[in-house]
Amino acid sequence: MSNALTKKSWSPYVVGAGIGILSWLAFWTADHPLCISTAFETSAALVERAATPHMAEPYLGDKAREGKPPKIGWEWMLVVGVFFGAFASARLSGDTTREMVPAIWASRYGPSVTLRFLAALLGGMVMMLGARLAGGCTSGHGISGALQLALSSWVFSPTFFGVGVVAAFLLYGRKGAAHV
């Protein structure tokens, strides 16, 4: 029997069950759904509050209006855990590469590391904007919201899958999207 921590991929059923249990634990212990984009929103609001306090008010939320300032909390610990968990998984499974520009990207857009990083940065910014406009990210809507049977989450989830398929075709063409 092989060690699960050294596998390059896990069963989606086991991972799904694990995420479900983690979601229940978040509701039970913190009375809060799993979400990641809120950590970035809170951090941005804290930076803006330091620079221009009067402009940050809309982003600070109800807690700040009640006199409880936002803080870096467990949501940032989830971000840190995702980062270190992904790092540990890649190292333990041997699924690491020093490739800065994936072959599929290079075949379509060339080998420029700068272009790849700028595209990734722009993509991340657009995703964060979308997450804030939607009132949550894929983990907030797709996992926590769906668990709570929120209609917005049930509309959001198939939408982001569909948009992901369309984006893959637009970015990589028909042949490349099949390999994404």
N, C-alpha and C. Protein backbone atom coordinates (compact mmCIF):
# COMPACT_ATOMS: atom_id res chain seq x y z
N MET A 1 0.84 -1.18 0.00
CA MET A 1 0.00 0.00 0.00
C MET A 1 0.89 1.25 0.00
N SER A 2 0.57 2.19 -0.89
CA SER A 2 1.40 3.38 -1.00
C SER A 2 0.93 4.46 -0.01
N ASN A 3 1.84 5.35 0.29
CA ASN A 3 1.56 6.46 1.18
C ASN A 3 0.74 7.50 0.42
N ALA A 4 -0.41 7.87 0.94
CA ALA A 4 -1.29 8.85 0.27
C ALA A 4 -0.60 10.19 0.08
N LEU A 5 0.29 10.55 0.98
CA LEU A 5 0.95 11.86 0.89
C LEU A 5 1.95 11.94 -0.25
N THR A 6 2.36 10.80 -0.80
CA THR A 6 3.32 10.82 -1.90
C THR A 6 2.66 10.65 -3.26
N LYS A 7 1.35 10.53 -3.31
CA LYS A 7 0.64 10.40 -4.58
C LYS A 7 0.58 11.74 -5.30
N LYS A 8 0.64 11.70 -6.64
CA LYS A 8 0.55 12.93 -7.42
C LYS A 8 -0.89 13.42 -7.53
N SER A 9 -1.84 12.55 -7.41
CA SER A 9 -3.25 12.97 -7.40
C SER A 9 -4.03 12.09 -6.44
N TRP A 10 -5.06 12.67 -5.87
CA TRP A 10 -5.90 11.95 -4.93
C TRP A 10 -7.28 11.77 -5.52
N SER A 11 -8.01 10.87 -4.94
CA SER A 11 -9.38 10.64 -5.38
C SER A 11 -10.21 11.90 -5.14
N PRO A 12 -10.94 12.37 -6.15
CA PRO A 12 -11.76 13.56 -5.94
C PRO A 12 -12.85 13.33 -4.88
N TYR A 13 -13.25 12.08 -4.68
CA TYR A 13 -14.26 11.78 -3.67
C TYR A 13 -13.69 11.95 -2.26
N VAL A 14 -12.45 11.51 -2.07
CA VAL A 14 -11.80 11.65 -0.76
C VAL A 14 -11.54 13.14 -0.49
N VAL A 15 -11.04 13.84 -1.49
CA VAL A 15 -10.76 15.27 -1.32
C VAL A 15 -12.06 16.03 -1.06
N GLY A 16 -13.11 15.71 -1.81
CA GLY A 16 -14.41 16.36 -1.61
C GLY A 16 -14.94 16.14 -0.21
N ALA A 17 -14.82 14.90 0.27
CA ALA A 17 -15.27 14.61 1.64
C ALA A 17 -14.43 15.38 2.66
N GLY A 18 -13.12 15.48 2.43
CA GLY A 18 -12.25 16.23 3.33
C GLY A 18 -12.61 17.71 3.36
N ILE A 19 -12.89 18.29 2.19
CA ILE A 19 -13.29 19.70 2.14
C ILE A 19 -14.64 19.88 2.84
N GLY A 20 -15.54 18.93 2.67
CA GLY A 20 -16.84 19.01 3.36
C GLY A 20 -16.67 18.98 4.86
N ILE A 21 -15.80 18.11 5.36
CA ILE A 21 -15.55 18.03 6.80
C ILE A 21 -14.91 19.33 7.29
N LEU A 22 -13.95 19.85 6.52
CA LEU A 22 -13.32 21.12 6.88
C LEU A 22 -14.36 22.24 6.93
N SER A 23 -15.29 22.24 6.00
CA SER A 23 -16.35 23.25 5.99
C SER A 23 -17.22 23.14 7.24
N TRP A 24 -17.59 21.92 7.60
CA TRP A 24 -18.39 21.73 8.81
C TRP A 24 -17.63 22.24 10.03
N LEU A 25 -16.32 21.93 10.09
CA LEU A 25 -15.51 22.39 11.21
C LEU A 25 -15.47 23.91 11.27
N ALA A 26 -15.36 24.56 10.11
CA ALA A 26 -15.34 26.03 10.09
C ALA A 26 -16.65 26.60 10.62
N PHE A 27 -17.77 26.03 10.20
CA PHE A 27 -19.07 26.50 10.70
C PHE A 27 -19.20 26.23 12.20
N TRP A 28 -18.76 25.06 12.63
CA TRP A 28 -18.91 24.66 14.03
C TRP A 28 -18.02 25.47 14.96
N THR A 29 -16.75 25.66 14.57
CA THR A 29 -15.81 26.31 15.48
C THR A 29 -15.76 27.82 15.33
N ALA A 30 -15.99 28.33 14.12
CA ALA A 30 -15.86 29.78 13.90
C ALA A 30 -17.17 30.44 13.50
N ASP A 31 -18.20 29.62 13.32
CA ASP A 31 -19.50 30.13 12.87
C ASP A 31 -19.32 31.00 11.62
N HIS A 32 -18.50 30.49 10.71
CA HIS A 32 -18.16 31.25 9.51
C HIS A 32 -17.86 30.27 8.38
N PRO A 33 -18.29 30.60 7.17
CA PRO A 33 -18.00 29.70 6.05
C PRO A 33 -16.54 29.78 5.61
N LEU A 34 -16.09 28.73 4.93
CA LEU A 34 -14.76 28.75 4.33
C LEU A 34 -14.75 29.79 3.21
N CYS A 35 -13.76 30.62 3.21
CA CYS A 35 -13.58 31.58 2.12
C CYS A 35 -12.15 32.06 2.14
N ILE A 36 -11.66 32.47 0.99
CA ILE A 36 -10.28 32.92 0.92
C ILE A 36 -10.20 34.36 0.45
N SER A 37 -11.04 34.76 -0.49
CA SER A 37 -10.91 36.11 -1.05
C SER A 37 -11.17 37.20 -0.01
N THR A 38 -11.93 36.90 1.02
CA THR A 38 -12.20 37.89 2.06
C THR A 38 -10.91 38.30 2.78
N ALA A 39 -9.96 37.38 2.89
CA ALA A 39 -8.69 37.71 3.53
C ALA A 39 -7.97 38.82 2.74
N PHE A 40 -8.02 38.74 1.43
CA PHE A 40 -7.38 39.76 0.61
C PHE A 40 -8.14 41.08 0.67
N GLU A 41 -9.47 41.00 0.70
CA GLU A 41 -10.28 42.21 0.81
C GLU A 41 -10.01 42.91 2.14
N THR A 42 -9.94 42.15 3.21
CA THR A 42 -9.66 42.73 4.53
C THR A 42 -8.28 43.37 4.54
N SER A 43 -7.30 42.69 3.97
CA SER A 43 -5.94 43.25 3.94
C SER A 43 -5.90 44.54 3.13
N ALA A 44 -6.55 44.55 1.99
CA ALA A 44 -6.59 45.77 1.17
C ALA A 44 -7.29 46.90 1.92
N ALA A 45 -8.37 46.58 2.63
CA ALA A 45 -9.08 47.60 3.40
C ALA A 45 -8.21 48.16 4.51
N LEU A 46 -7.42 47.31 5.16
CA LEU A 46 -6.54 47.77 6.22
C LEU A 46 -5.45 48.69 5.66
N VAL A 47 -4.90 48.34 4.49
CA VAL A 47 -3.89 49.20 3.86
C VAL A 47 -4.52 50.53 3.46
N GLU A 48 -5.70 50.46 2.85
CA GLU A 48 -6.38 51.70 2.45
C GLU A 48 -6.75 52.54 3.66
N ARG A 49 -7.15 51.90 4.72
CA ARG A 49 -7.51 52.62 5.94
C ARG A 49 -6.31 53.40 6.49
N ALA A 50 -5.12 52.79 6.39
CA ALA A 50 -3.91 53.47 6.86
C ALA A 50 -3.57 54.66 5.97
N ALA A 51 -3.83 54.53 4.67
CA ALA A 51 -3.48 55.59 3.72
C ALA A 51 -4.56 56.67 3.64
N THR A 52 -5.80 56.25 3.49
CA THR A 52 -6.92 57.20 3.33
C THR A 52 -8.12 56.67 4.10
N PRO A 53 -8.16 56.93 5.40
CA PRO A 53 -9.21 56.36 6.25
C PRO A 53 -10.64 56.64 5.77
N HIS A 54 -10.91 57.83 5.26
CA HIS A 54 -12.27 58.18 4.86
C HIS A 54 -12.73 57.38 3.64
N MET A 55 -11.81 56.93 2.80
CA MET A 55 -12.19 56.18 1.60
C MET A 55 -12.36 54.69 1.88
N ALA A 56 -11.81 54.21 2.97
CA ALA A 56 -11.83 52.78 3.27
C ALA A 56 -13.14 52.33 3.93
N GLU A 57 -13.92 53.26 4.41
CA GLU A 57 -15.14 52.94 5.17
C GLU A 57 -16.03 51.89 4.50
N PRO A 58 -16.35 52.00 3.21
CA PRO A 58 -17.25 51.02 2.60
C PRO A 58 -16.70 49.60 2.60
N TYR A 59 -15.38 49.44 2.69
CA TYR A 59 -14.77 48.13 2.61
C TYR A 59 -14.52 47.49 3.96
N LEU A 60 -14.71 48.25 5.00
CA LEU A 60 -14.37 47.74 6.32
C LEU A 60 -15.49 46.90 6.94
N GLY A 61 -16.68 46.99 6.39
CA GLY A 61 -17.76 46.12 6.83
C GLY A 61 -18.48 46.57 8.08
N ASP A 62 -19.47 45.78 8.46
CA ASP A 62 -20.31 46.09 9.61
C ASP A 62 -19.54 46.10 10.92
N LYS A 63 -18.56 45.20 11.05
CA LYS A 63 -17.81 45.12 12.31
C LYS A 63 -17.10 46.44 12.60
N ALA A 64 -16.53 47.05 11.55
CA ALA A 64 -15.83 48.33 11.75
C ALA A 64 -16.81 49.42 12.13
N ARG A 65 -18.00 49.38 11.54
CA ARG A 65 -19.01 50.39 11.88
C ARG A 65 -19.51 50.21 13.31
N GLU A 66 -19.37 49.01 13.85
CA GLU A 66 -19.75 48.74 15.23
C GLU A 66 -18.59 49.01 16.19
N GLY A 67 -17.48 49.52 15.66
CA GLY A 67 -16.32 49.82 16.49
C GLY A 67 -15.33 48.68 16.63
N LYS A 68 -15.54 47.59 15.88
CA LYS A 68 -14.61 46.45 15.91
C LYS A 68 -13.81 46.47 14.61
N PRO A 69 -12.57 46.92 14.65
CA PRO A 69 -11.80 47.02 13.41
C PRO A 69 -11.50 45.65 12.81
N PRO A 70 -11.40 45.59 11.48
CA PRO A 70 -11.05 44.31 10.85
C PRO A 70 -9.63 43.93 11.23
N LYS A 71 -9.35 42.66 11.20
CA LYS A 71 -8.02 42.19 11.57
C LYS A 71 -7.64 40.99 10.70
N ILE A 72 -6.37 40.71 10.71
CA ILE A 72 -5.89 39.52 10.01
C ILE A 72 -6.25 38.35 10.92
N GLY A 73 -7.13 37.47 10.44
CA GLY A 73 -7.63 36.39 11.28
C GLY A 73 -7.44 35.02 10.66
N TRP A 74 -8.33 34.11 10.98
CA TRP A 74 -8.20 32.73 10.56
C TRP A 74 -8.28 32.57 9.05
N GLU A 75 -8.95 33.51 8.37
CA GLU A 75 -9.03 33.40 6.91
C GLU A 75 -7.64 33.50 6.29
N TRP A 76 -6.77 34.36 6.86
CA TRP A 76 -5.40 34.44 6.36
C TRP A 76 -4.63 33.17 6.71
N MET A 77 -4.96 32.57 7.81
CA MET A 77 -4.31 31.30 8.15
C MET A 77 -4.71 30.22 7.15
N LEU A 78 -5.94 30.29 6.62
CA LEU A 78 -6.36 29.37 5.58
C LEU A 78 -5.54 29.60 4.31
N VAL A 79 -5.31 30.87 3.95
CA VAL A 79 -4.48 31.20 2.79
C VAL A 79 -3.07 30.63 2.98
N VAL A 80 -2.49 30.86 4.16
CA VAL A 80 -1.15 30.36 4.46
C VAL A 80 -1.15 28.83 4.41
N GLY A 81 -2.19 28.21 4.96
CA GLY A 81 -2.28 26.75 4.94
C GLY A 81 -2.39 26.18 3.53
N VAL A 82 -3.14 26.86 2.66
CA VAL A 82 -3.24 26.41 1.27
C VAL A 82 -1.87 26.50 0.60
N PHE A 83 -1.16 27.59 0.83
CA PHE A 83 0.18 27.76 0.24
C PHE A 83 1.13 26.66 0.71
N PHE A 84 1.24 26.50 2.03
CA PHE A 84 2.17 25.50 2.55
C PHE A 84 1.70 24.07 2.27
N GLY A 85 0.40 23.85 2.25
CA GLY A 85 -0.11 22.53 1.91
C GLY A 85 0.20 22.15 0.47
N ALA A 86 0.05 23.11 -0.45
CA ALA A 86 0.38 22.86 -1.86
C ALA A 86 1.89 22.61 -2.01
N PHE A 87 2.69 23.40 -1.29
CA PHE A 87 4.14 23.23 -1.33
C PHE A 87 4.53 21.83 -0.81
N ALA A 88 3.97 21.46 0.33
CA ALA A 88 4.29 20.15 0.92
C ALA A 88 3.83 19.03 0.00
N SER A 89 2.64 19.16 -0.58
CA SER A 89 2.14 18.13 -1.49
C SER A 89 3.05 17.96 -2.69
N ALA A 90 3.47 19.08 -3.28
CA ALA A 90 4.36 19.02 -4.45
C ALA A 90 5.69 18.37 -4.08
N ARG A 91 6.23 18.72 -2.93
CA ARG A 91 7.53 18.15 -2.52
C ARG A 91 7.41 16.66 -2.19
N LEU A 92 6.38 16.29 -1.44
CA LEU A 92 6.23 14.89 -1.03
C LEU A 92 5.92 13.97 -2.21
N SER A 93 5.16 14.49 -3.18
CA SER A 93 4.79 13.66 -4.33
C SER A 93 5.83 13.69 -5.44
N GLY A 94 6.78 14.60 -5.33
CA GLY A 94 7.78 14.72 -6.38
C GLY A 94 7.23 15.41 -7.62
N ASP A 95 6.08 16.03 -7.49
CA ASP A 95 5.42 16.68 -8.62
C ASP A 95 5.83 18.16 -8.67
N THR A 96 7.12 18.40 -8.81
CA THR A 96 7.62 19.76 -8.86
C THR A 96 8.33 19.99 -10.19
N THR A 97 8.38 21.23 -10.58
CA THR A 97 9.09 21.60 -11.79
C THR A 97 9.62 23.02 -11.61
N ARG A 98 10.68 23.31 -12.28
CA ARG A 98 11.22 24.67 -12.26
C ARG A 98 10.79 25.41 -13.52
N GLU A 99 9.85 24.85 -14.23
CA GLU A 99 9.36 25.44 -15.46
C GLU A 99 8.65 26.75 -15.18
N MET A 100 9.16 27.84 -15.74
CA MET A 100 8.55 29.16 -15.53
C MET A 100 7.44 29.42 -16.54
N VAL A 101 7.54 28.83 -17.70
CA VAL A 101 6.54 29.01 -18.75
C VAL A 101 6.13 27.61 -19.21
N PRO A 102 4.91 27.19 -18.89
CA PRO A 102 4.46 25.86 -19.31
C PRO A 102 4.48 25.72 -20.83
N ALA A 103 4.74 24.52 -21.31
CA ALA A 103 4.83 24.27 -22.75
C ALA A 103 3.56 24.69 -23.48
N ILE A 104 2.41 24.44 -22.88
CA ILE A 104 1.14 24.79 -23.54
C ILE A 104 1.04 26.32 -23.72
N TRP A 105 1.53 27.09 -22.75
CA TRP A 105 1.53 28.54 -22.86
C TRP A 105 2.53 28.97 -23.93
N ALA A 106 3.75 28.42 -23.87
CA ALA A 106 4.81 28.80 -24.81
C ALA A 106 4.41 28.50 -26.25
N SER A 107 3.68 27.41 -26.48
CA SER A 107 3.28 27.07 -27.85
C SER A 107 2.30 28.08 -28.43
N ARG A 108 1.58 28.75 -27.57
CA ARG A 108 0.57 29.70 -28.03
C ARG A 108 1.06 31.15 -27.97
N TYR A 109 1.81 31.50 -26.93
CA TYR A 109 2.17 32.89 -26.69
C TYR A 109 3.68 33.16 -26.68
N GLY A 110 4.49 32.14 -26.78
CA GLY A 110 5.94 32.32 -26.78
C GLY A 110 6.54 32.05 -25.42
N PRO A 111 7.87 32.07 -25.34
CA PRO A 111 8.56 31.68 -24.11
C PRO A 111 8.81 32.81 -23.10
N SER A 112 8.24 33.97 -23.29
CA SER A 112 8.52 35.11 -22.41
C SER A 112 8.00 34.87 -20.99
N VAL A 113 8.93 34.86 -20.05
CA VAL A 113 8.57 34.71 -18.63
C VAL A 113 7.81 35.95 -18.16
N THR A 114 8.24 37.12 -18.62
CA THR A 114 7.58 38.37 -18.22
C THR A 114 6.12 38.38 -18.68
N LEU A 115 5.87 37.99 -19.92
CA LEU A 115 4.50 37.95 -20.42
C LEU A 115 3.66 36.96 -19.61
N ARG A 116 4.23 35.81 -19.30
CA ARG A 116 3.50 34.79 -18.53
C ARG A 116 3.16 35.32 -17.14
N PHE A 117 4.11 35.96 -16.48
CA PHE A 117 3.84 36.49 -15.15
C PHE A 117 2.85 37.64 -15.18
N LEU A 118 2.96 38.52 -16.18
CA LEU A 118 1.99 39.62 -16.30
C LEU A 118 0.59 39.09 -16.56
N ALA A 119 0.48 38.08 -17.40
CA ALA A 119 -0.83 37.48 -17.68
C ALA A 119 -1.40 36.83 -16.42
N ALA A 120 -0.54 36.16 -15.64
CA ALA A 120 -1.00 35.54 -14.40
C ALA A 120 -1.45 36.60 -13.39
N LEU A 121 -0.69 37.70 -13.30
CA LEU A 121 -1.06 38.79 -12.39
C LEU A 121 -2.38 39.41 -12.81
N LEU A 122 -2.53 39.71 -14.09
CA LEU A 122 -3.77 40.28 -14.59
C LEU A 122 -4.94 39.32 -14.37
N GLY A 123 -4.73 38.05 -14.64
CA GLY A 123 -5.78 37.05 -14.41
C GLY A 123 -6.19 36.98 -12.95
N GLY A 124 -5.21 37.04 -12.05
CA GLY A 124 -5.51 37.03 -10.62
C GLY A 124 -6.30 38.25 -10.20
N MET A 125 -5.94 39.41 -10.77
CA MET A 125 -6.66 40.64 -10.43
C MET A 125 -8.10 40.58 -10.93
N VAL A 126 -8.29 40.07 -12.13
CA VAL A 126 -9.66 39.95 -12.67
C VAL A 126 -10.47 38.95 -11.84
N MET A 127 -9.83 37.84 -11.45
CA MET A 127 -10.54 36.86 -10.61
C MET A 127 -10.93 37.46 -9.26
N MET A 128 -10.04 38.25 -8.66
CA MET A 128 -10.35 38.86 -7.37
C MET A 128 -11.48 39.88 -7.52
N LEU A 129 -11.43 40.67 -8.58
CA LEU A 129 -12.52 41.62 -8.84
C LEU A 129 -13.84 40.87 -8.99
N GLY A 130 -13.82 39.80 -9.76
CA GLY A 130 -15.03 39.00 -9.95
C GLY A 130 -15.52 38.40 -8.64
N ALA A 131 -14.60 37.94 -7.81
CA ALA A 131 -14.98 37.37 -6.52
C ALA A 131 -15.64 38.42 -5.63
N ARG A 132 -15.11 39.62 -5.64
CA ARG A 132 -15.71 40.67 -4.82
C ARG A 132 -17.05 41.10 -5.38
N LEU A 133 -17.18 41.18 -6.72
CA LEU A 133 -18.47 41.54 -7.31
C LEU A 133 -19.53 40.48 -7.04
N ALA A 134 -19.09 39.21 -7.02
CA ALA A 134 -20.01 38.10 -6.79
C ALA A 134 -20.30 37.89 -5.31
N GLY A 135 -19.62 38.63 -4.44
CA GLY A 135 -19.84 38.46 -3.01
C GLY A 135 -19.17 37.22 -2.46
N GLY A 136 -18.17 36.72 -3.15
CA GLY A 136 -17.44 35.55 -2.68
C GLY A 136 -16.70 34.87 -3.82
N CYS A 137 -15.75 34.05 -3.45
CA CYS A 137 -14.93 33.35 -4.43
C CYS A 137 -15.45 31.93 -4.64
N THR A 138 -14.68 31.14 -5.36
CA THR A 138 -15.13 29.78 -5.64
C THR A 138 -15.26 28.95 -4.38
N SER A 139 -14.39 29.17 -3.40
CA SER A 139 -14.53 28.41 -2.16
C SER A 139 -15.71 28.93 -1.35
N GLY A 140 -15.91 30.24 -1.36
CA GLY A 140 -17.04 30.80 -0.62
C GLY A 140 -18.38 30.38 -1.20
N HIS A 141 -18.51 30.51 -2.50
CA HIS A 141 -19.77 30.13 -3.16
C HIS A 141 -19.84 28.63 -3.45
N GLY A 142 -18.80 28.12 -4.11
CA GLY A 142 -18.83 26.75 -4.59
C GLY A 142 -18.84 25.71 -3.50
N ILE A 143 -18.27 26.03 -2.36
CA ILE A 143 -18.23 25.05 -1.27
C ILE A 143 -19.19 25.46 -0.16
N SER A 144 -18.89 26.57 0.50
CA SER A 144 -19.68 26.97 1.66
C SER A 144 -21.11 27.36 1.29
N GLY A 145 -21.26 28.17 0.24
CA GLY A 145 -22.59 28.59 -0.17
C GLY A 145 -23.44 27.43 -0.65
N ALA A 146 -22.82 26.52 -1.42
CA ALA A 146 -23.56 25.35 -1.90
C ALA A 146 -23.99 24.46 -0.73
N LEU A 147 -23.12 24.33 0.28
CA LEU A 147 -23.48 23.54 1.47
C LEU A 147 -24.68 24.13 2.20
N GLN A 148 -24.80 25.46 2.13
CA GLN A 148 -25.91 26.14 2.80
C GLN A 148 -27.14 26.24 1.89
N LEU A 149 -27.03 25.67 0.69
CA LEU A 149 -28.11 25.69 -0.31
C LEU A 149 -28.48 27.12 -0.72
N ALA A 150 -27.48 28.01 -0.77
CA ALA A 150 -27.72 29.38 -1.21
C ALA A 150 -27.94 29.40 -2.72
N LEU A 151 -29.04 29.99 -3.14
CA LEU A 151 -29.36 30.05 -4.57
C LEU A 151 -28.25 30.73 -5.36
N SER A 152 -27.69 31.81 -4.83
CA SER A 152 -26.61 32.52 -5.54
C SER A 152 -25.43 31.59 -5.79
N SER A 153 -25.14 30.73 -4.85
CA SER A 153 -24.02 29.80 -5.01
C SER A 153 -24.32 28.73 -6.04
N TRP A 154 -25.56 28.30 -6.09
CA TRP A 154 -25.95 27.28 -7.08
C TRP A 154 -26.01 27.88 -8.48
N VAL A 155 -26.20 29.17 -8.60
CA VAL A 155 -26.12 29.83 -9.90
C VAL A 155 -24.65 30.07 -10.25
N PHE A 156 -23.86 30.49 -9.26
CA PHE A 156 -22.46 30.82 -9.47
C PHE A 156 -21.64 29.60 -9.90
N SER A 157 -21.82 28.48 -9.24
CA SER A 157 -20.95 27.32 -9.48
C SER A 157 -20.96 26.83 -10.93
N PRO A 158 -22.11 26.55 -11.53
CA PRO A 158 -22.05 26.14 -12.94
C PRO A 158 -21.56 27.27 -13.85
N THR A 159 -21.80 28.50 -13.45
CA THR A 159 -21.34 29.63 -14.25
C THR A 159 -19.82 29.68 -14.29
N PHE A 160 -19.16 29.52 -13.14
CA PHE A 160 -17.70 29.60 -13.17
C PHE A 160 -17.08 28.40 -13.89
N PHE A 161 -17.72 27.24 -13.83
CA PHE A 161 -17.22 26.11 -14.61
C PHE A 161 -17.35 26.39 -16.11
N GLY A 162 -18.50 26.92 -16.51
CA GLY A 162 -18.71 27.24 -17.92
C GLY A 162 -17.75 28.30 -18.42
N VAL A 163 -17.56 29.35 -17.62
CA VAL A 163 -16.63 30.41 -18.01
C VAL A 163 -15.21 29.86 -18.07
N GLY A 164 -14.86 28.94 -17.20
CA GLY A 164 -13.53 28.33 -17.24
C GLY A 164 -13.30 27.56 -18.53
N VAL A 165 -14.31 26.84 -18.99
CA VAL A 165 -14.20 26.10 -20.25
C VAL A 165 -14.03 27.08 -21.41
N VAL A 166 -14.85 28.11 -21.44
CA VAL A 166 -14.75 29.12 -22.51
C VAL A 166 -13.38 29.80 -22.47
N ALA A 167 -12.91 30.16 -21.29
CA ALA A 167 -11.61 30.82 -21.16
C ALA A 167 -10.48 29.90 -21.66
N ALA A 168 -10.56 28.62 -21.34
CA ALA A 168 -9.53 27.68 -21.82
C ALA A 168 -9.50 27.64 -23.34
N PHE A 169 -10.67 27.61 -23.97
CA PHE A 169 -10.72 27.62 -25.43
C PHE A 169 -10.19 28.93 -26.00
N LEU A 170 -10.53 30.06 -25.37
CA LEU A 170 -10.06 31.34 -25.87
C LEU A 170 -8.54 31.49 -25.69
N LEU A 171 -8.02 31.03 -24.57
CA LEU A 171 -6.59 31.17 -24.31
C LEU A 171 -5.73 30.18 -25.09
N TYR A 172 -6.21 28.95 -25.22
CA TYR A 172 -5.35 27.90 -25.77
C TYR A 172 -5.87 27.28 -27.07
N GLY A 173 -7.03 27.69 -27.53
CA GLY A 173 -7.56 27.09 -28.75
C GLY A 173 -8.12 25.70 -28.48
N ARG A 174 -8.64 25.11 -29.51
CA ARG A 174 -9.31 23.81 -29.37
C ARG A 174 -8.36 22.71 -28.91
N LYS A 175 -7.19 22.63 -29.54
CA LYS A 175 -6.23 21.59 -29.18
C LYS A 175 -5.68 21.77 -27.77
N GLY A 176 -5.32 23.01 -27.43
CA GLY A 176 -4.72 23.28 -26.13
C GLY A 176 -5.70 23.12 -24.99
N ALA A 177 -6.95 23.50 -25.20
CA ALA A 177 -7.95 23.41 -24.12
C ALA A 177 -8.19 21.98 -23.71
N ALA A 178 -8.00 21.04 -24.62
CA ALA A 178 -8.20 19.63 -24.30
C ALA A 178 -7.13 19.14 -23.31
N HIS A 179 -6.01 19.83 -23.22
CA HIS A 179 -4.92 19.42 -22.34
C HIS A 179 -4.86 20.21 -21.03
N VAL A 180 -5.71 21.21 -20.90
CA VAL A 180 -5.68 22.04 -19.69
C VAL A 180 -6.31 21.29 -18.55
